[in-house]
Amino acid sequence: MSIFFRNNKNNVEDMYKSIYNTYRERVFYYINGKVKDRNDIRDIAQNVFFHLWEYRESLGGANTENIIFKTCNQEISKFFKTQRKHIFEKNYNIPETPDDAVDQLDSKLIKEQQLQAMQDSIELLPTSSKKMFTMNKLEGVTQEKIAVQLNLSKKIVQKQISDALVFLQNFHKNS
């Protein structure tokens, strides 16, 4: 590059613009010969010209075209290396933990046993407490609505549900 270009920043930028306008289509078609996806081609071409911009001070001599296409090859190579790495990560990822299907099945069986034990203990409640507890805790009916439906005071409903909870807690604590 001549001393004139090095000393004048605007001229270096003008030279880069000229190189970009001259080579952008050739770079695009060169990359297109090696990579098929249009978006990938654009990304690689952008990387090429970004790299050239970073080293624009070195451009402008007789070897400018060689530098441009060598940069294309480097960026294409980087692209394929990244692609291979992603394929390896996606397809050959070794699980960090062993198959836990047996543990999941055991956990599910334990939960089902606990649920069955809870249902069995609910059956031990007095009929009125069982009805109020089931309506409130399992069906989601509010205590106010239960009181209205059963024609009872809200305090009685609260007491029955509270007593039922205490009974169930004690029953399961002792079993």
C-alpha atoms as a PDB file:
ATOM      1  CA  MET A   1       0.000   0.000   0.000  1.00  0.00           C
ATOM      2  CA  SER A   2       1.343   3.396  -0.785  1.00  0.00           C
ATOM      3  CA  ILE A   3       2.358   5.880   1.898  1.00  0.00           C
ATOM      4  CA  PHE A   4      -0.389   8.144   0.622  1.00  0.00           C
ATOM      5  CA  PHE A   5      -3.084   5.645   1.655  1.00  0.00           C
ATOM      6  CA  ARG A   6      -1.530   5.036   5.081  1.00  0.00           C
ATOM      7  CA  ASN A   7      -1.414   8.716   5.906  1.00  0.00           C
ATOM      8  CA  ASN A   8      -4.902   9.580   4.765  1.00  0.00           C
ATOM      9  CA  LYS A   9      -7.670   7.768   6.660  1.00  0.00           C
ATOM     10  CA  ASN A  10     -10.433   8.850   4.267  1.00  0.00           C
ATOM     11  CA  ASN A  11      -8.502   7.452   1.312  1.00  0.00           C
ATOM     12  CA  VAL A  12      -8.046   4.087   3.102  1.00  0.00           C
ATOM     13  CA  GLU A  13     -11.787   3.954   3.683  1.00  0.00           C
ATOM     14  CA  ASP A  14     -12.477   4.937   0.069  1.00  0.00           C
ATOM     15  CA  MET A  15     -10.091   2.219  -1.085  1.00  0.00           C
ATOM     16  CA  TYR A  16     -11.913  -0.315   1.137  1.00  0.00           C
ATOM     17  CA  LYS A  17     -15.271   0.778  -0.316  1.00  0.00           C
ATOM     18  CA  SER A  18     -13.863   0.323  -3.801  1.00  0.00           C
ATOM     19  CA  ILE A  19     -12.575  -3.165  -2.939  1.00  0.00           C
ATOM     20  CA  TYR A  20     -15.952  -4.035  -1.368  1.00  0.00           C
ATOM     21  CA  ASN A  21     -17.906  -2.858  -4.416  1.00  0.00           C
ATOM     22  CA  THR A  22     -15.520  -4.648  -6.792  1.00  0.00           C
ATOM     23  CA  TYR A  23     -15.387  -8.000  -4.969  1.00  0.00           C
ATOM     24  CA  ARG A  24     -18.679  -8.420  -3.100  1.00  0.00           C
ATOM     25  CA  GLU A  25     -20.434 -10.363  -5.880  1.00  0.00           C
ATOM     26  CA  ARG A  26     -17.372 -12.476  -6.649  1.00  0.00           C
ATOM     27  CA  VAL A  27     -16.970 -13.284  -2.947  1.00  0.00           C
ATOM     28  CA  PHE A  28     -20.666 -14.188  -2.709  1.00  0.00           C
ATOM     29  CA  TYR A  29     -20.485 -16.533  -5.721  1.00  0.00           C
ATOM     30  CA  TYR A  30     -17.193 -18.022  -4.574  1.00  0.00           C
ATOM     31  CA  ILE A  31     -18.713 -18.900  -1.193  1.00  0.00           C
ATOM     32  CA  ASN A  32     -21.877 -20.098  -2.952  1.00  0.00           C
ATOM     33  CA  GLY A  33     -19.767 -22.702  -4.725  1.00  0.00           C
ATOM     34  CA  LYS A  34     -18.836 -24.235  -1.370  1.00  0.00           C
ATOM     35  CA  VAL A  35     -21.850 -23.526   0.889  1.00  0.00           C
ATOM     36  CA  LYS A  36     -25.457 -24.029  -0.170  1.00  0.00           C
ATOM     37  CA  ASP A  37     -27.637 -22.167   2.352  1.00  0.00           C
ATOM     38  CA  ARG A  38     -28.119 -18.536   1.330  1.00  0.00           C
ATOM     39  CA  ASN A  39     -28.176 -17.252   4.925  1.00  0.00           C
ATOM     40  CA  ASP A  40     -24.925 -19.072   5.675  1.00  0.00           C
ATOM     41  CA  ILE A  41     -23.372 -17.591   2.533  1.00  0.00           C
ATOM     42  CA  ARG A  42     -24.366 -14.098   3.650  1.00  0.00           C
ATOM     43  CA  ASP A  43     -22.974 -14.681   7.141  1.00  0.00           C
ATOM     44  CA  ILE A  44     -19.671 -15.942   5.775  1.00  0.00           C
ATOM     45  CA  ALA A  45     -19.416 -13.058   3.282  1.00  0.00           C
ATOM     46  CA  GLN A  46     -20.110 -10.609   6.095  1.00  0.00           C
ATOM     47  CA  ASN A  47     -17.343 -12.213   8.160  1.00  0.00           C
ATOM     48  CA  VAL A  48     -14.970 -11.973   5.186  1.00  0.00           C
ATOM     49  CA  PHE A  49     -15.571  -8.261   4.724  1.00  0.00           C
ATOM     50  CA  PHE A  50     -15.440  -7.642   8.466  1.00  0.00           C
ATOM     51  CA  HIS A  51     -12.038  -9.336   8.550  1.00  0.00           C
ATOM     52  CA  LEU A  52     -10.912  -7.289   5.547  1.00  0.00           C
ATOM     53  CA  TRP A  53     -12.094  -4.114   7.263  1.00  0.00           C
ATOM     54  CA  GLU A  54      -9.994  -4.938  10.312  1.00  0.00           C
ATOM     55  CA  TYR A  55      -6.924  -5.348   8.076  1.00  0.00           C
ATOM     56  CA  ARG A  56      -7.804  -2.649   5.534  1.00  0.00           C
ATOM     57  CA  GLU A  57      -4.421  -1.023   6.032  1.00  0.00           C
ATOM     58  CA  SER A  58      -2.828  -4.105   4.379  1.00  0.00           C
ATOM     59  CA  LEU A  59      -5.050  -3.955   1.297  1.00  0.00           C
ATOM     60  CA  GLY A  60      -4.543  -2.059  -1.919  1.00  0.00           C
ATOM     61  CA  GLY A  61      -1.425  -3.762  -3.202  1.00  0.00           C
ATOM     62  CA  ALA A  62      -0.940  -6.330  -5.944  1.00  0.00           C
ATOM     63  CA  ASN A  63      -1.862  -9.199  -3.622  1.00  0.00           C
ATOM     64  CA  THR A  64      -5.273  -7.769  -2.580  1.00  0.00           C
ATOM     65  CA  GLU A  65      -7.239 -10.373  -4.523  1.00  0.00           C
ATOM     66  CA  ASN A  66      -5.178 -13.198  -2.993  1.00  0.00           C
ATOM     67  CA  ILE A  67      -5.845 -11.801   0.483  1.00  0.00           C
ATOM     68  CA  ILE A  68      -9.579 -11.581  -0.200  1.00  0.00           C
ATOM     69  CA  PHE A  69      -9.954 -15.159  -1.407  1.00  0.00           C
ATOM     70  CA  LYS A  70      -7.601 -16.527   1.231  1.00  0.00           C
ATOM     71  CA  THR A  71      -9.865 -14.819   3.804  1.00  0.00           C
ATOM     72  CA  CYS A  72     -12.882 -16.444   2.080  1.00  0.00           C
ATOM     73  CA  ASN A  73     -11.286 -19.872   2.464  1.00  0.00           C
ATOM     74  CA  GLN A  74     -10.487 -19.221   6.106  1.00  0.00           C
ATOM     75  CA  GLU A  75     -14.051 -18.111   6.888  1.00  0.00           C
ATOM     76  CA  ILE A  76     -15.538 -21.074   4.988  1.00  0.00           C
ATOM     77  CA  SER A  77     -13.246 -23.408   6.897  1.00  0.00           C
ATOM     78  CA  LYS A  78     -14.280 -21.780  10.202  1.00  0.00           C
ATOM     79  CA  PHE A  79     -17.942 -22.198   9.213  1.00  0.00           C
ATOM     80  CA  PHE A  80     -17.599 -25.921   8.477  1.00  0.00           C
ATOM     81  CA  LYS A  81     -15.569 -26.490  11.648  1.00  0.00           C
ATOM     82  CA  THR A  82     -18.354 -24.851  13.664  1.00  0.00           C
ATOM     83  CA  GLN A  83     -20.988 -26.901  11.824  1.00  0.00           C
ATOM     84  CA  ARG A  84     -19.167 -30.170  12.619  1.00  0.00           C
ATOM     85  CA  LYS A  85     -18.858 -29.135  16.249  1.00  0.00           C
ATOM     86  CA  HIS A  86     -22.608 -28.452  16.488  1.00  0.00           C
ATOM     87  CA  ILE A  87     -23.454 -31.769  14.822  1.00  0.00           C
ATOM     88  CA  PHE A  88     -21.240 -33.589  17.303  1.00  0.00           C
ATOM     89  CA  GLU A  89     -22.836 -31.767  20.238  1.00  0.00           C
ATOM     90  CA  LYS A  90     -26.360 -32.519  19.010  1.00  0.00           C
ATOM     91  CA  ASN A  91     -25.979 -36.133  17.932  1.00  0.00           C
ATOM     92  CA  TYR A  92     -23.335 -37.608  20.169  1.00  0.00           C
ATOM     93  CA  ASN A  93     -23.945 -35.930  23.468  1.00  0.00           C
ATOM     94  CA  ILE A  94     -23.284 -38.509  26.162  1.00  0.00           C
ATOM     95  CA  PRO A  95     -25.783 -38.145  28.968  1.00  0.00           C
ATOM     96  CA  GLU A  96     -24.211 -37.022  32.213  1.00  0.00           C
ATOM     97  CA  THR A  97     -26.566 -39.124  34.300  1.00  0.00           C
ATOM     98  CA  PRO A  98     -27.540 -42.711  33.699  1.00  0.00           C
ATOM     99  CA  ASP A  99     -31.046 -43.682  32.680  1.00  0.00           C
ATOM    100  CA  ASP A 100     -33.232 -42.869  35.658  1.00  0.00           C
ATOM    101  CA  ALA A 101     -36.404 -44.575  34.424  1.00  0.00           C
ATOM    102  CA  VAL A 102     -36.289 -47.098  37.275  1.00  0.00           C
ATOM    103  CA  ASP A 103     -35.941 -44.305  39.846  1.00  0.00           C
ATOM    104  CA  GLN A 104     -38.810 -42.406  38.246  1.00  0.00           C
ATOM    105  CA  LEU A 105     -40.988 -45.522  38.294  1.00  0.00           C
ATOM    106  CA  ASP A 106     -40.132 -46.159  41.957  1.00  0.00           C
ATOM    107  CA  SER A 107     -40.928 -42.551  42.801  1.00  0.00           C
ATOM    108  CA  LYS A 108     -44.239 -42.765  40.987  1.00  0.00           C
ATOM    109  CA  LEU A 109     -45.157 -45.996  42.782  1.00  0.00           C
ATOM    110  CA  ILE A 110     -44.303 -44.444  46.153  1.00  0.00           C
ATOM    111  CA  LYS A 111     -46.449 -41.407  45.375  1.00  0.00           C
ATOM    112  CA  GLU A 112     -49.337 -43.641  44.298  1.00  0.00           C
ATOM    113  CA  GLN A 113     -49.016 -45.625  47.536  1.00  0.00           C
ATOM    114  CA  GLN A 114     -48.991 -42.408  49.553  1.00  0.00           C
ATOM    115  CA  LEU A 115     -52.039 -41.156  47.677  1.00  0.00           C
ATOM    116  CA  GLN A 116     -53.871 -44.422  48.303  1.00  0.00           C
ATOM    117  CA  ALA A 117     -52.932 -44.273  51.999  1.00  0.00           C
ATOM    118  CA  MET A 118     -54.255 -40.700  52.156  1.00  0.00           C
ATOM    119  CA  GLN A 119     -57.512 -41.723  50.479  1.00  0.00           C
ATOM    120  CA  ASP A 120     -57.853 -44.660  52.888  1.00  0.00           C
ATOM    121  CA  SER A 121     -57.288 -42.397  55.897  1.00  0.00           C
ATOM    122  CA  ILE A 122     -59.866 -39.902  54.604  1.00  0.00           C
ATOM    123  CA  GLU A 123     -62.357 -42.772  54.649  1.00  0.00           C
ATOM    124  CA  LEU A 124     -61.735 -43.095  58.410  1.00  0.00           C
ATOM    125  CA  LEU A 125     -63.080 -39.587  59.043  1.00  0.00           C
ATOM    126  CA  PRO A 126     -66.628 -39.151  60.358  1.00  0.00           C
ATOM    127  CA  THR A 127     -69.109 -38.737  57.515  1.00  0.00           C
ATOM    128  CA  SER A 128     -69.746 -35.012  58.001  1.00  0.00           C
ATOM    129  CA  SER A 129     -66.027 -34.167  58.371  1.00  0.00           C
ATOM    130  CA  LYS A 130     -65.158 -36.348  55.374  1.00  0.00           C
ATOM    131  CA  LYS A 131     -67.758 -34.560  53.216  1.00  0.00           C
ATOM    132  CA  MET A 132     -66.584 -31.054  54.226  1.00  0.00           C
ATOM    133  CA  PHE A 133     -62.887 -31.962  53.937  1.00  0.00           C
ATOM    134  CA  THR A 134     -63.389 -33.530  50.488  1.00  0.00           C
ATOM    135  CA  MET A 135     -65.422 -30.584  49.223  1.00  0.00           C
ATOM    136  CA  ASN A 136     -62.854 -28.054  50.453  1.00  0.00           C
ATOM    137  CA  LYS A 137     -59.492 -29.717  49.885  1.00  0.00           C
ATOM    138  CA  LEU A 138     -60.167 -32.003  46.926  1.00  0.00           C
ATOM    139  CA  GLU A 139     -62.933 -30.205  45.029  1.00  0.00           C
ATOM    140  CA  GLY A 140     -61.831 -26.644  45.843  1.00  0.00           C
ATOM    141  CA  VAL A 141     -65.145 -25.428  47.267  1.00  0.00           C
ATOM    142  CA  THR A 142     -64.708 -22.526  49.671  1.00  0.00           C
ATOM    143  CA  GLN A 143     -65.647 -22.903  53.326  1.00  0.00           C
ATOM    144  CA  GLU A 144     -68.294 -20.183  52.915  1.00  0.00           C
ATOM    145  CA  LYS A 145     -70.001 -22.079  50.092  1.00  0.00           C
ATOM    146  CA  ILE A 146     -69.858 -25.340  52.066  1.00  0.00           C
ATOM    147  CA  ALA A 147     -71.516 -23.592  55.015  1.00  0.00           C
ATOM    148  CA  VAL A 148     -74.298 -22.289  52.750  1.00  0.00           C
ATOM    149  CA  GLN A 149     -74.809 -25.656  50.996  1.00  0.00           C
ATOM    150  CA  LEU A 150     -74.926 -27.654  54.223  1.00  0.00           C
ATOM    151  CA  ASN A 151     -76.838 -24.971  56.109  1.00  0.00           C
ATOM    152  CA  LEU A 152     -74.138 -24.708  58.792  1.00  0.00           C
ATOM    153  CA  SER A 153     -72.210 -21.813  60.275  1.00  0.00           C
ATOM    154  CA  LYS A 154     -68.835 -20.978  58.814  1.00  0.00           C
ATOM    155  CA  LYS A 155     -67.218 -21.619  62.221  1.00  0.00           C
ATOM    156  CA  ILE A 156     -68.537 -25.202  62.307  1.00  0.00           C
ATOM    157  CA  VAL A 157     -67.202 -25.865  58.788  1.00  0.00           C
ATOM    158  CA  GLN A 158     -63.801 -24.388  59.724  1.00  0.00           C
ATOM    159  CA  LYS A 159     -63.659 -26.496  62.897  1.00  0.00           C
ATOM    160  CA  GLN A 160     -64.624 -29.727  61.090  1.00  0.00           C
ATOM    161  CA  ILE A 161     -62.009 -29.199  58.352  1.00  0.00           C
ATOM    162  CA  SER A 162     -59.355 -28.239  60.908  1.00  0.00           C
ATOM    163  CA  ASP A 163     -60.149 -31.328  63.024  1.00  0.00           C
ATOM    164  CA  ALA A 164     -59.960 -33.489  59.914  1.00  0.00           C
ATOM    165  CA  LEU A 165     -56.522 -32.089  59.039  1.00  0.00           C
ATOM    166  CA  VAL A 166     -55.233 -32.696  62.559  1.00  0.00           C
ATOM    167  CA  PHE A 167     -56.580 -36.263  62.485  1.00  0.00           C
ATOM    168  CA  LEU A 168     -54.942 -36.963  59.099  1.00  0.00           C
ATOM    169  CA  GLN A 169     -51.611 -35.479  60.176  1.00  0.00           C
ATOM    170  CA  ASN A 170     -51.551 -37.528  63.374  1.00  0.00           C
ATOM    171  CA  PHE A 171     -52.660 -40.673  61.560  1.00  0.00           C
ATOM    172  CA  HIS A 172     -49.856 -40.415  58.985  1.00  0.00           C
ATOM    173  CA  LYS A 173     -47.266 -39.329  61.548  1.00  0.00           C
ATOM    174  CA  ASN A 174     -47.974 -42.465  63.590  1.00  0.00           C
ATOM    175  CA  SER A 175     -48.132 -44.898  60.666  1.00  0.00           C
END
